[in-house]
N, C-alpha and C. Protein backbone atom coordinates (compact mmCIF):
# COMPACT_ATOMS: atom_id res chain seq x y z
N MET A 1 1.07 -1.06 -0.10
CA MET A 1 0.02 0.16 0.14
C MET A 1 0.79 1.02 0.13
N ILE A 2 0.37 2.11 -0.85
CA ILE A 2 1.03 3.19 -1.06
C ILE A 2 0.66 4.28 0.07
N LYS A 3 1.42 5.14 1.08
CA LYS A 3 1.07 6.36 2.02
C LYS A 3 1.27 7.59 1.74
N ILE A 4 0.58 8.03 1.34
CA ILE A 4 0.72 9.74 1.09
C ILE A 4 0.13 10.62 2.57
N ASP A 5 1.41 11.33 2.75
CA ASP A 5 0.89 12.42 4.07
C ASP A 5 0.91 13.64 3.43
N ALA A 6 -0.64 14.19 3.44
CA ALA A 6 -0.80 15.50 2.48
C ALA A 6 -1.26 16.60 3.61
N LYS A 7 -0.86 15.90 4.85
CA LYS A 7 -1.38 17.41 5.84
C LYS A 7 -0.54 18.71 5.73
N GLY A 8 -1.18 19.20 5.58
CA GLY A 8 -0.76 20.67 5.28
C GLY A 8 -0.57 21.52 3.83
N ASP A 9 -0.99 20.41 2.98
CA ASP A 9 -0.96 20.75 1.83
C ASP A 9 -2.29 21.48 1.36
N VAL A 10 -2.38 22.71 0.34
CA VAL A 10 -3.48 22.91 0.25
C VAL A 10 -3.93 22.59 -1.14
N CYS A 11 -5.20 22.72 -1.38
CA CYS A 11 -5.85 22.52 -2.75
C CYS A 11 -5.18 23.15 -4.03
N PRO A 12 -4.68 22.29 -4.88
CA PRO A 12 -5.27 20.79 -4.96
C PRO A 12 -4.12 19.88 -4.83
N ILE A 13 -3.14 20.25 -4.23
CA ILE A 13 -2.10 19.27 -4.00
C ILE A 13 -2.34 17.96 -3.73
N PRO A 14 -3.30 17.90 -2.57
CA PRO A 14 -3.48 16.38 -2.27
C PRO A 14 -3.99 15.39 -3.25
N ILE A 15 -4.80 16.15 -3.97
CA ILE A 15 -5.11 15.79 -5.26
C ILE A 15 -4.37 15.04 -6.23
N ILE A 16 -3.40 16.23 -6.79
CA ILE A 16 -2.36 16.00 -7.53
C ILE A 16 -1.57 14.67 -7.26
N LYS A 17 -1.14 14.53 -5.83
CA LYS A 17 -0.09 13.83 -5.56
C LYS A 17 -0.84 12.15 -5.38
N THR A 18 -2.38 12.29 -5.12
CA THR A 18 -2.68 11.15 -5.39
C THR A 18 -3.04 10.54 -6.78
N LYS A 19 -3.52 11.61 -7.59
CA LYS A 19 -3.47 10.94 -9.26
C LYS A 19 -2.27 10.50 -9.65
N LYS A 20 -1.44 11.38 -9.37
CA LYS A 20 -0.14 10.71 -9.60
C LYS A 20 0.24 9.34 -9.17
N GLU A 21 0.10 9.01 -8.08
CA GLU A 21 0.74 7.44 -7.69
C GLU A 21 -0.44 6.82 -7.78
N LEU A 22 -1.78 6.84 -8.23
CA LEU A 22 -2.56 5.95 -8.85
C LEU A 22 -2.16 5.66 -10.19
N LYS A 23 -1.37 6.97 -11.10
CA LYS A 23 -1.46 6.63 -12.07
C LYS A 23 -0.04 5.52 -12.38
N ASN A 24 0.82 5.55 -11.31
CA ASN A 24 1.89 4.75 -11.38
C ASN A 24 1.49 3.06 -10.78
N ILE A 25 0.50 3.06 -10.59
CA ILE A 25 0.18 1.64 -10.37
C ILE A 25 -0.45 1.02 -11.58
N GLU A 26 0.50 -0.12 -12.13
CA GLU A 26 0.07 -0.43 -13.79
C GLU A 26 -1.43 -1.11 -13.34
N LYS A 27 -1.65 -1.99 -12.09
CA LYS A 27 -3.15 -2.72 -12.50
C LYS A 27 -3.58 -2.60 -10.84
N ASP A 28 -3.18 -3.34 -10.16
CA ASP A 28 -3.84 -3.40 -8.57
C ASP A 28 -3.14 -2.54 -7.58
N GLY A 29 -3.31 -2.13 -6.95
CA GLY A 29 -2.79 -1.26 -5.75
C GLY A 29 -3.62 -0.31 -4.73
N THR A 30 -3.41 -0.40 -3.25
CA THR A 30 -4.01 0.86 -3.23
C THR A 30 -3.15 1.93 -2.46
N VAL A 31 -4.10 3.26 -2.58
CA VAL A 31 -3.51 4.27 -2.01
C VAL A 31 -4.06 4.80 -0.35
N LEU A 32 -3.66 5.04 0.30
CA LEU A 32 -4.01 5.45 1.42
C LEU A 32 -3.29 7.01 1.76
N VAL A 33 -4.41 8.15 1.57
CA VAL A 33 -3.85 9.07 1.66
C VAL A 33 -4.30 9.93 2.98
N ILE A 34 -3.47 10.79 3.78
CA ILE A 34 -3.74 11.19 5.22
C ILE A 34 -3.98 12.86 4.75
N VAL A 35 -5.02 13.53 5.34
CA VAL A 35 -4.93 15.04 5.37
C VAL A 35 -5.78 15.41 6.46
N ASP A 36 -5.34 16.81 6.48
CA ASP A 36 -6.20 17.63 7.64
C ASP A 36 -7.27 18.27 7.80
N ASN A 37 -8.15 18.31 6.87
CA ASN A 37 -9.36 18.84 6.84
C ASN A 37 -10.37 18.27 5.87
N GLU A 38 -11.80 18.19 6.31
CA GLU A 38 -12.84 17.55 5.94
C GLU A 38 -12.94 17.80 4.63
N ILE A 39 -12.71 19.04 3.74
CA ILE A 39 -13.17 19.09 2.81
C ILE A 39 -11.34 18.70 1.76
N ALA A 40 -10.41 18.46 2.46
CA ALA A 40 -9.99 17.67 1.14
C ALA A 40 -10.32 16.26 1.04
N LYS A 41 -10.63 15.57 2.35
CA LYS A 41 -11.02 14.60 2.41
C LYS A 41 -12.39 14.18 1.36
N GLU A 42 -13.27 15.11 1.70
CA GLU A 42 -14.38 14.67 0.47
C GLU A 42 -14.18 15.09 -0.70
N ASN A 43 -12.87 16.05 -1.14
CA ASN A 43 -12.20 16.28 -2.51
C ASN A 43 -11.77 15.01 -3.27
N LEU A 44 -11.05 13.99 -2.19
CA LEU A 44 -10.70 13.07 -2.49
C LEU A 44 -11.69 11.32 -2.91
N GLU A 45 -12.67 11.66 -1.87
CA GLU A 45 -13.65 10.96 -2.12
C GLU A 45 -14.37 11.00 -3.68
N LYS A 46 -14.44 12.35 -3.99
CA LYS A 46 -15.13 12.58 -5.34
C LYS A 46 -14.57 12.42 -6.44
N MET A 47 -12.91 12.53 -6.02
CA MET A 47 -12.41 12.24 -7.17
C MET A 47 -12.23 10.52 -7.60
N ALA A 48 -11.79 9.61 -6.44
CA ALA A 48 -12.06 8.40 -6.23
C ALA A 48 -13.37 8.07 -7.46
N LYS A 49 -14.43 8.73 -6.73
CA LYS A 49 -15.96 8.20 -7.45
C LYS A 49 -15.95 8.48 -8.85
N GLU A 50 -15.19 9.74 -9.16
CA GLU A 50 -15.29 9.75 -10.49
C GLU A 50 -14.49 8.99 -11.41
N LEU A 51 -13.05 8.82 -10.97
CA LEU A 51 -12.28 7.52 -11.55
C LEU A 51 -13.14 6.10 -11.63
N GLY A 52 -13.82 6.27 -10.82
CA GLY A 52 -14.54 4.87 -10.60
C GLY A 52 -13.50 3.97 -9.79
N TYR A 53 -13.01 4.25 -8.79
CA TYR A 53 -12.51 3.27 -8.10
C TYR A 53 -13.18 3.01 -6.61
N LYS A 54 -13.10 1.83 -5.89
CA LYS A 54 -13.38 2.01 -4.54
C LYS A 54 -12.42 2.48 -3.54
N TYR A 55 -13.17 3.33 -2.65
CA TYR A 55 -12.71 3.75 -1.44
C TYR A 55 -13.43 3.48 -0.23
N SER A 56 -12.54 3.87 0.59
CA SER A 56 -13.31 4.14 2.07
C SER A 56 -12.35 5.63 2.61
N SER A 57 -13.11 6.02 3.81
CA SER A 57 -12.51 7.10 4.67
C SER A 57 -12.92 7.25 5.98
N LYS A 58 -11.81 7.72 6.81
CA LYS A 58 -12.47 7.91 8.45
C LYS A 58 -11.70 9.02 8.83
N ALA A 59 -12.51 9.33 9.31
CA ALA A 59 -12.13 10.85 10.53
C ALA A 59 -11.27 10.15 11.69
N VAL A 60 -9.85 10.44 11.85
CA VAL A 60 -9.32 10.25 13.43
C VAL A 60 -9.63 11.00 14.40
N ASN A 61 -9.37 12.45 13.66
CA ASN A 61 -9.75 13.46 14.78
C ASN A 61 -9.97 14.88 13.98
N LYS A 62 -10.03 15.91 14.28
CA LYS A 62 -10.60 17.19 13.32
C LYS A 62 -9.50 17.60 12.43
N GLU A 63 -8.09 17.01 12.87
CA GLU A 63 -6.97 17.49 12.00
C GLU A 63 -6.21 16.23 11.55
N HIS A 64 -7.03 15.41 11.57
CA HIS A 64 -6.28 13.83 10.61
C HIS A 64 -7.38 13.29 10.06
N TYR A 65 -7.64 13.19 8.60
CA TYR A 65 -8.73 12.24 8.18
C TYR A 65 -7.31 11.26 7.26
N GLU A 66 -8.39 10.05 6.82
CA GLU A 66 -7.77 9.03 5.99
C GLU A 66 -8.60 8.82 4.97
N VAL A 67 -7.93 8.78 3.68
CA VAL A 67 -8.95 8.26 2.77
C VAL A 67 -8.26 6.90 1.58
N LYS A 68 -8.57 6.01 2.04
CA LYS A 68 -7.95 4.53 1.43
C LYS A 68 -8.97 4.48 -0.25
N ILE A 69 -7.77 4.50 -1.27
CA ILE A 69 -8.49 4.31 -2.78
C ILE A 69 -7.84 3.01 -3.39
N VAL A 70 -8.79 2.05 -3.38
CA VAL A 70 -8.23 0.92 -4.10
C VAL A 70 -8.52 0.75 -5.93
N LYS A 71 -7.27 0.65 -6.44
CA LYS A 71 -7.07 0.28 -7.72
C LYS A 71 -7.19 -1.29 -8.22
N GLY A 72 -8.26 -1.70 -8.88
CA GLY A 72 -8.11 -2.82 -9.13
C GLY A 72 -8.37 -3.81 -8.23
N ASP A 73 -7.71 -4.68 -7.86
CA ASP A 73 -7.90 -5.64 -6.86
C ASP A 73 -7.14 -5.24 -5.32
N GLY A 74 -6.59 -4.11 -5.69
CA GLY A 74 -6.00 -3.36 -4.48
C GLY A 74 -5.09 -4.28 -3.72
N LEU A 75 -4.17 -4.94 -4.28
CA LEU A 75 -2.88 -5.52 -3.69
C LEU A 75 -2.22 -4.60 -2.78
N GLU A 76 -1.83 -5.72 -1.24
CA GLU A 76 -1.15 -4.48 -0.35
C GLU A 76 -0.24 -5.03 0.54
N GLU A 77 0.43 -5.73 0.00
CA GLU A 77 1.61 -6.84 0.54
C GLU A 77 2.85 -5.70 0.59
N ASP A 78 2.99 -4.55 -0.72
CA ASP A 78 4.09 -4.00 -0.65
C ASP A 78 3.85 -2.82 -0.53
N SER A 79 4.51 -1.65 0.37
CA SER A 79 4.03 -0.65 1.47
C SER A 79 5.00 0.25 1.50
N LYS A 80 4.86 1.53 0.88
CA LYS A 80 5.87 2.52 0.98
C LYS A 80 5.50 3.91 1.24
N VAL A 81 6.26 4.79 1.82
CA VAL A 81 5.63 6.01 1.99
C VAL A 81 6.05 6.84 0.97
N SER A 82 4.66 7.78 0.67
CA SER A 82 5.20 8.87 -0.40
C SER A 82 5.06 10.22 -0.05
N ASN A 83 5.88 11.26 -0.33
CA ASN A 83 5.33 12.52 0.13
C ASN A 83 5.68 13.62 -1.16
N ASN A 84 5.67 12.67 -2.45
CA ASN A 84 5.66 13.01 -3.83
C ASN A 84 6.77 14.20 -4.04
N GLN A 85 8.03 14.22 -3.53
CA GLN A 85 8.84 15.30 -3.63
C GLN A 85 9.38 15.13 -5.32
N THR A 86 9.48 16.06 -5.98
CA THR A 86 9.84 16.62 -7.15
C THR A 86 11.46 16.21 -7.22
N GLU A 87 11.33 15.36 -8.10
CA GLU A 87 12.87 14.63 -8.50
C GLU A 87 13.39 15.92 -9.55
N ILE A 88 14.58 16.55 -9.20
CA ILE A 88 15.19 17.25 -10.20
C ILE A 88 16.05 16.32 -11.24
N VAL A 89 16.05 16.44 -12.54
CA VAL A 89 16.47 16.02 -13.49
C VAL A 89 17.02 16.83 -14.79
N GLU A 90 17.32 16.11 -15.41
CA GLU A 90 17.94 17.05 -16.66
C GLU A 90 16.78 17.32 -17.78
N ASN A 91 16.88 18.81 -18.07
CA ASN A 91 15.53 19.46 -18.94
C ASN A 91 14.86 18.64 -19.93
N ASN A 92 16.07 17.62 -20.66
CA ASN A 92 15.61 17.04 -21.30
C ASN A 92 14.91 15.50 -21.46
N GLU A 93 15.35 15.18 -20.19
CA GLU A 93 14.59 13.81 -19.85
C GLU A 93 13.38 14.44 -19.08
N ILE A 94 13.25 15.57 -18.43
CA ILE A 94 11.86 15.82 -17.89
C ILE A 94 10.74 16.36 -18.60
N SER A 95 11.32 16.82 -19.95
CA SER A 95 10.24 17.33 -21.20
C SER A 95 9.78 15.98 -21.58
N LYS A 96 10.01 15.00 -21.61
CA LYS A 96 9.76 13.75 -22.21
C LYS A 96 8.25 13.36 -21.43
N GLN A 97 8.14 13.74 -20.25
CA GLN A 97 7.13 13.39 -19.50
C GLN A 97 5.67 14.12 -19.60
N TYR A 98 6.11 15.64 -20.48
CA TYR A 98 5.15 16.26 -20.32
C TYR A 98 4.71 16.63 -21.82
N LYS A 99 3.45 16.91 -22.40
CA LYS A 99 3.23 17.43 -23.78
C LYS A 99 2.47 19.12 -23.60
N LYS A 100 3.09 19.93 -24.68
CA LYS A 100 2.38 21.13 -24.48
C LYS A 100 1.41 21.42 -25.45
N ASN A 101 0.92 22.18 -25.51
CA ASN A 101 -0.25 22.84 -26.51
C ASN A 101 -0.24 24.07 -26.44
N ASN A 102 -1.04 25.34 -27.48
CA ASN A 102 -0.95 25.87 -27.84
C ASN A 102 -1.72 26.97 -27.12
N THR A 103 -1.49 27.23 -25.64
CA THR A 103 -2.35 27.49 -24.55
C THR A 103 -1.69 28.61 -23.89
N LEU A 104 -2.01 29.74 -23.59
CA LEU A 104 -1.50 30.69 -23.29
C LEU A 104 -2.49 30.96 -22.05
N VAL A 105 -1.25 31.09 -20.58
CA VAL A 105 -2.01 31.70 -19.63
C VAL A 105 -1.57 32.94 -19.20
N VAL A 106 -2.81 33.90 -18.79
CA VAL A 106 -2.35 35.33 -18.38
C VAL A 106 -2.65 35.32 -17.15
N ILE A 107 -1.84 36.04 -16.40
CA ILE A 107 -1.99 36.41 -15.05
C ILE A 107 -1.69 37.75 -14.82
N SER A 108 -2.77 38.27 -14.13
CA SER A 108 -2.70 39.65 -13.94
C SER A 108 -2.69 40.19 -12.50
N SER A 109 -2.58 39.45 -11.68
CA SER A 109 -2.37 39.79 -10.47
C SER A 109 -2.02 38.71 -9.33
N SER A 110 -1.34 39.27 -8.40
CA SER A 110 -0.54 38.40 -7.42
C SER A 110 -1.44 37.53 -6.66
N THR A 111 -2.98 37.82 -6.55
CA THR A 111 -4.02 36.94 -6.19
C THR A 111 -4.66 36.32 -7.13
N MET A 112 -5.41 35.42 -6.54
CA MET A 112 -6.78 34.71 -7.40
C MET A 112 -8.12 34.98 -7.13
N GLY A 113 -8.60 35.66 -7.95
CA GLY A 113 -9.98 35.96 -7.53
C GLY A 113 -10.34 37.18 -6.49
N ASN A 114 -11.37 37.75 -6.15
CA ASN A 114 -12.13 39.10 -5.41
C ASN A 114 -12.20 38.53 -4.31
N GLY A 115 -11.98 39.57 -3.22
CA GLY A 115 -12.45 39.15 -2.04
C GLY A 115 -11.38 38.98 -0.95
N ASN A 116 -10.92 38.00 0.01
CA ASN A 116 -9.70 38.12 0.63
C ASN A 116 -8.54 37.89 0.40
N GLU A 117 -7.60 38.84 0.67
CA GLU A 117 -6.35 38.84 -0.30
C GLU A 117 -5.49 37.65 0.20
N GLU A 118 -5.50 37.06 1.52
CA GLU A 118 -4.78 36.23 1.65
C GLU A 118 -5.62 35.22 0.98
N LEU A 119 -6.28 34.68 1.02
CA LEU A 119 -7.09 33.59 0.25
C LEU A 119 -6.76 33.75 -1.11
N GLY A 120 -6.35 34.87 -1.70
CA GLY A 120 -6.25 35.15 -3.25
C GLY A 120 -4.57 34.65 -3.19
N LYS A 121 -4.05 34.71 -2.45
CA LYS A 121 -2.48 34.61 -2.53
C LYS A 121 -2.13 32.81 -2.31
N VAL A 122 -3.04 32.37 -1.53
CA VAL A 122 -3.17 30.71 -1.12
C VAL A 122 -3.50 30.04 -2.66
N LEU A 123 -4.65 30.91 -3.30
CA LEU A 123 -5.35 30.15 -4.41
C LEU A 123 -4.64 30.22 -5.50
N ILE A 124 -3.45 31.45 -5.90
CA ILE A 124 -2.71 31.60 -7.21
C ILE A 124 -1.42 30.57 -6.94
N LYS A 125 -1.06 30.59 -5.46
CA LYS A 125 0.24 29.38 -5.44
C LYS A 125 -0.55 28.09 -6.09
N GLY A 126 -1.76 27.84 -5.29
CA GLY A 126 -2.23 26.42 -5.77
C GLY A 126 -2.41 25.95 -7.34
N PHE A 127 -2.87 27.22 -7.90
CA PHE A 127 -3.05 27.14 -9.31
C PHE A 127 -1.77 26.75 -10.26
N ILE A 128 -0.49 27.80 -9.72
CA ILE A 128 0.73 27.80 -10.39
C ILE A 128 1.20 26.22 -10.25
N TYR A 129 1.14 25.94 -8.89
CA TYR A 129 1.38 24.45 -8.98
C TYR A 129 0.73 23.65 -9.49
N ALA A 130 -0.32 23.59 -9.26
CA ALA A 130 -1.06 22.76 -10.60
C ALA A 130 -0.90 22.52 -11.85
N LEU A 131 -0.53 23.79 -12.32
CA LEU A 131 0.21 23.95 -13.92
C LEU A 131 1.66 23.34 -14.18
N THR A 132 2.17 22.57 -13.08
CA THR A 132 3.66 22.11 -13.17
C THR A 132 2.95 20.37 -13.14
N GLU A 133 1.67 20.07 -12.78
CA GLU A 133 1.26 18.53 -12.82
C GLU A 133 0.62 18.37 -13.47
N VAL A 134 -0.07 19.25 -14.65
CA VAL A 134 -0.91 18.67 -15.74
C VAL A 134 0.02 18.14 -16.72
N GLU A 135 -0.75 17.15 -17.40
CA GLU A 135 0.01 16.63 -18.52
C GLU A 135 0.21 17.47 -19.86
N LYS A 136 -0.62 18.12 -20.17
CA LYS A 136 -0.61 19.09 -21.01
C LYS A 136 -0.16 20.61 -21.01
N LEU A 137 1.02 20.81 -20.85
CA LEU A 137 1.40 22.24 -20.42
C LEU A 137 1.00 23.61 -21.32
N PRO A 138 0.69 24.74 -20.69
CA PRO A 138 0.97 25.85 -21.48
C PRO A 138 1.74 25.78 -22.46
N ASN A 139 1.91 26.61 -23.41
CA ASN A 139 3.20 27.19 -24.33
C ASN A 139 3.73 28.20 -23.69
N THR A 140 2.97 29.24 -23.24
CA THR A 140 3.19 30.42 -22.70
C THR A 140 2.69 30.72 -20.98
N ILE A 141 3.26 31.39 -20.35
CA ILE A 141 2.67 32.06 -19.36
C ILE A 141 3.09 33.57 -19.28
N ILE A 142 1.92 34.65 -19.47
CA ILE A 142 2.46 35.99 -19.13
C ILE A 142 2.19 36.34 -18.21
N PHE A 143 2.79 37.46 -17.09
CA PHE A 143 2.57 38.17 -16.16
C PHE A 143 2.12 39.26 -16.18
N TYR A 144 1.19 40.39 -15.99
CA TYR A 144 1.35 41.70 -16.32
C TYR A 144 0.65 42.65 -14.81
N ASN A 145 0.66 43.66 -15.06
CA ASN A 145 -0.02 44.36 -13.88
C ASN A 145 0.72 43.81 -12.45
N GLY A 146 -0.19 43.54 -11.80
CA GLY A 146 0.25 42.86 -10.29
C GLY A 146 0.83 41.84 -10.34
N GLY A 147 0.26 40.69 -11.32
CA GLY A 147 1.21 39.34 -11.29
C GLY A 147 2.37 39.36 -11.76
N ALA A 148 2.90 40.82 -12.20
CA ALA A 148 4.41 40.81 -12.72
C ALA A 148 5.33 40.63 -11.02
N LYS A 149 4.92 40.78 -9.94
CA LYS A 149 5.10 40.32 -8.70
C LYS A 149 5.30 39.26 -8.17
N LEU A 150 4.82 38.24 -9.11
CA LEU A 150 5.02 36.65 -8.87
C LEU A 150 6.15 35.99 -9.55
N SER A 151 6.64 36.59 -10.50
CA SER A 151 8.41 36.33 -11.72
C SER A 151 9.43 36.74 -10.62
N VAL A 152 9.36 37.39 -9.55
CA VAL A 152 10.61 38.08 -9.13
C VAL A 152 10.81 37.48 -7.88
N LYS A 153 12.13 37.43 -7.42
CA LYS A 153 12.98 37.22 -6.16
C LYS A 153 12.13 36.90 -5.28
N LYS A 154 11.75 36.19 -4.14
CA LYS A 154 11.35 36.03 -3.10
C LYS A 154 9.61 35.64 -3.37
N SER A 155 9.05 35.63 -4.48
CA SER A 155 7.72 35.36 -4.89
C SER A 155 7.77 33.93 -4.10
N SER A 156 6.34 33.58 -3.75
CA SER A 156 6.08 32.26 -3.43
C SER A 156 5.92 31.09 -4.18
N VAL A 157 5.91 31.35 -5.04
CA VAL A 157 6.01 30.86 -6.45
C VAL A 157 7.02 30.54 -7.62
N ILE A 158 8.25 31.23 -7.08
CA ILE A 158 9.01 31.34 -8.18
C ILE A 158 9.82 29.60 -8.28
N GLU A 159 9.84 28.68 -7.46
CA GLU A 159 10.45 27.57 -7.44
C GLU A 159 9.36 26.95 -8.28
N ASP A 160 8.00 27.06 -8.53
CA ASP A 160 7.12 26.25 -9.26
C ASP A 160 7.41 26.78 -10.93
N LEU A 161 7.62 28.21 -10.88
CA LEU A 161 7.75 28.75 -12.08
C LEU A 161 9.11 28.46 -12.74
N GLN A 162 10.01 28.41 -12.31
CA GLN A 162 11.44 27.85 -12.53
C GLN A 162 11.26 26.34 -13.06
N LYS A 163 10.54 25.45 -12.15
CA LYS A 163 9.94 24.51 -12.96
C LYS A 163 9.73 24.10 -14.28
N LEU A 164 8.54 25.10 -14.28
CA LEU A 164 7.57 25.17 -15.66
C LEU A 164 8.65 25.63 -16.72
N GLU A 165 9.40 26.58 -16.63
CA GLU A 165 10.45 27.17 -17.33
C GLU A 165 11.52 26.05 -17.81
N GLN A 166 11.91 24.82 -16.67
CA GLN A 166 12.88 23.89 -17.32
C GLN A 166 11.92 23.03 -18.14
N LEU A 167 10.78 22.77 -17.66
CA LEU A 167 9.75 22.05 -18.65
C LEU A 167 9.39 22.58 -20.31
N GLY A 168 9.91 23.56 -20.15
CA GLY A 168 9.76 24.18 -21.70
C GLY A 168 8.68 25.28 -21.99
N VAL A 169 8.26 25.62 -20.70
CA VAL A 169 7.31 26.94 -20.65
C VAL A 169 8.03 27.90 -20.75
N GLU A 170 7.02 28.73 -22.01
CA GLU A 170 7.88 29.95 -21.74
C GLU A 170 7.09 31.17 -20.78
N ILE A 171 8.01 31.86 -19.92
CA ILE A 171 7.36 32.61 -18.78
C ILE A 171 8.28 33.70 -19.32
N LEU A 172 6.79 34.77 -19.78
CA LEU A 172 7.01 36.31 -19.83
C LEU A 172 6.58 37.63 -18.81
N THR A 173 7.32 37.99 -18.58
CA THR A 173 7.11 39.33 -17.86
C THR A 173 6.75 40.53 -18.39
N CYS A 174 5.59 41.64 -18.15
CA CYS A 174 5.45 42.70 -18.69
C CYS A 174 6.61 43.60 -18.20
N GLY A 175 7.19 44.27 -19.08
CA GLY A 175 8.43 45.14 -18.55
C GLY A 175 8.05 46.74 -18.23
N THR A 176 7.02 47.11 -18.66
CA THR A 176 6.49 48.26 -17.99
C THR A 176 5.60 48.04 -16.87
N CYS A 177 5.18 47.03 -16.42
CA CYS A 177 4.68 46.83 -15.13
C CYS A 177 5.78 46.54 -14.12
N LEU A 178 7.01 45.77 -14.42
CA LEU A 178 8.25 45.47 -13.70
C LEU A 178 8.65 47.29 -13.00
N ASP A 179 8.56 47.92 -14.11
CA ASP A 179 9.31 49.41 -14.34
C ASP A 179 8.42 49.80 -13.17
N TYR A 180 7.11 49.98 -13.37
CA TYR A 180 5.96 50.48 -12.34
C TYR A 180 6.24 50.29 -11.21
N TYR A 181 6.52 48.93 -10.92
CA TYR A 181 6.55 48.46 -9.39
C TYR A 181 8.17 48.55 -8.96
N ASN A 182 8.92 49.01 -9.65
CA ASN A 182 10.17 49.03 -9.60
C ASN A 182 11.12 47.92 -8.79
N ILE A 183 10.47 46.71 -9.67
CA ILE A 183 11.20 45.40 -9.29
C ILE A 183 11.98 44.82 -10.53
N LYS A 184 11.72 45.79 -11.55
CA LYS A 184 12.77 45.07 -12.96
C LYS A 184 14.23 44.16 -12.44
N ASP A 185 14.88 44.79 -11.38
CA ASP A 185 15.96 44.05 -11.16
C ASP A 185 15.73 42.85 -10.27
N ASP A 186 14.52 42.56 -10.09
CA ASP A 186 14.69 41.33 -9.06
C ASP A 186 13.47 40.19 -10.06
N LEU A 187 13.89 40.39 -11.22
CA LEU A 187 13.39 39.50 -11.90
C LEU A 187 13.99 38.03 -11.96
N ALA A 188 13.50 36.82 -11.66
CA ALA A 188 13.66 35.38 -11.22
C ALA A 188 13.81 34.42 -12.24
N VAL A 189 12.74 34.62 -13.37
CA VAL A 189 12.35 33.55 -14.10
C VAL A 189 11.87 34.34 -15.47
N GLY A 190 12.28 33.58 -16.49
CA GLY A 190 12.05 33.82 -17.82
C GLY A 190 12.31 35.34 -18.29
N LYS A 191 11.75 36.17 -19.16
CA LYS A 191 12.01 37.00 -19.87
C LYS A 191 11.39 38.39 -19.91
N ILE A 192 11.52 39.67 -20.15
CA ILE A 192 11.10 40.86 -20.15
C ILE A 192 10.37 40.86 -21.29
N THR A 193 8.78 41.17 -21.61
CA THR A 193 8.27 41.63 -22.40
C THR A 193 7.64 42.45 -22.82
N ASN A 194 6.96 43.14 -23.77
CA ASN A 194 6.30 44.21 -24.03
C ASN A 194 4.58 44.23 -24.55
N MET A 195 4.01 45.12 -24.29
CA MET A 195 2.43 44.94 -25.04
C MET A 195 2.63 44.45 -26.52
N TYR A 196 3.32 44.84 -27.19
CA TYR A 196 2.75 44.63 -28.31
C TYR A 196 3.15 42.77 -28.66
N SER A 197 4.23 42.74 -27.95
CA SER A 197 4.32 41.02 -27.92
C SER A 197 3.38 40.16 -27.47
N ILE A 198 2.97 40.93 -26.30
CA ILE A 198 1.69 39.98 -25.64
C ILE A 198 0.62 40.21 -26.32
N LEU A 199 0.03 41.20 -27.29
CA LEU A 199 -1.12 41.30 -28.03
C LEU A 199 -0.96 40.02 -29.14
N GLU A 200 0.47 39.72 -29.40
CA GLU A 200 0.68 38.78 -30.61
C GLU A 200 0.30 37.49 -29.84
N LYS A 201 0.74 37.10 -28.91
CA LYS A 201 0.90 35.92 -28.08
C LYS A 201 -0.75 35.58 -28.07
N MET A 202 -1.36 36.52 -27.56
CA MET A 202 -2.78 36.48 -27.32
C MET A 202 -3.68 36.01 -28.87
N ASN A 203 -2.87 36.74 -29.90
CA ASN A 203 -3.70 36.39 -30.77
C ASN A 203 -3.51 34.87 -31.77
N ALA A 204 -2.27 34.53 -31.18
CA ALA A 204 -1.60 33.44 -31.75
C ALA A 204 -2.13 32.01 -31.16
N ALA A 205 -2.75 32.27 -29.82
CA ALA A 205 -2.87 31.21 -29.14
C ALA A 205 -4.53 30.51 -29.37
N ASP A 206 -4.52 29.25 -29.13
CA ASP A 206 -5.59 28.39 -29.73
C ASP A 206 -6.77 28.65 -28.23
N LYS A 207 -6.10 29.07 -27.16
CA LYS A 207 -7.04 29.16 -25.86
C LYS A 207 -5.94 30.12 -24.81
N ILE A 208 -7.07 30.86 -24.53
CA ILE A 208 -6.37 31.86 -23.30
C ILE A 208 -7.03 31.50 -21.95
N ILE A 209 -5.77 31.01 -21.22
CA ILE A 209 -6.86 30.43 -19.42
C ILE A 209 -6.17 31.94 -18.70
N LYS A 210 -7.38 32.74 -18.18
CA LYS A 210 -6.94 33.90 -17.04
C LYS A 210 -7.83 33.25 -15.75
N PRO A 211 -6.62 33.05 -14.44
CA PRO A 211 -7.12 32.71 -13.55
C PRO A 211 -7.82 33.70 -12.67
């Protein structure tokens, strides 16, 4: 049985970790996921149901929930613990595991959605992490206005953006925006772009995603 300790992980990280382990099981196996909130437990149950896997769950206490997902016959002889840490390998080896399409992601704020700012920061961090785990990567990510603050040093998402760049995703940040916020010297990933190039990228994209 594969054990995933996802306590402390924000949405959608527990789902991503679990899907990855399930995908690695060729035929039969069981994955036990530990999370620290009921919503994460319910999300895992919903995912298992949508994928057609048998599952069971229990609440150990208010900060410890366990969800067991069975793939195939659910053989449990072998046991390992997984925290799903990212392995760093050469760029050409890592890129073989992913596909890209002509999708453009545009991010105009350092938060996601309207309302609570702290929640917005959590959501945008989760969104960018999720981008590192999808099978079909976007071709380009463009940051402008407040989004420019995400591609600089000390950004909470800089490691995920650097991973995306290693996987072949083009990272572009508006130069005017970097100048406006006086952070051009702090750019830590990708290249500086301009509004004309941003418009060209938008016109050429098959799909534009704006979180």
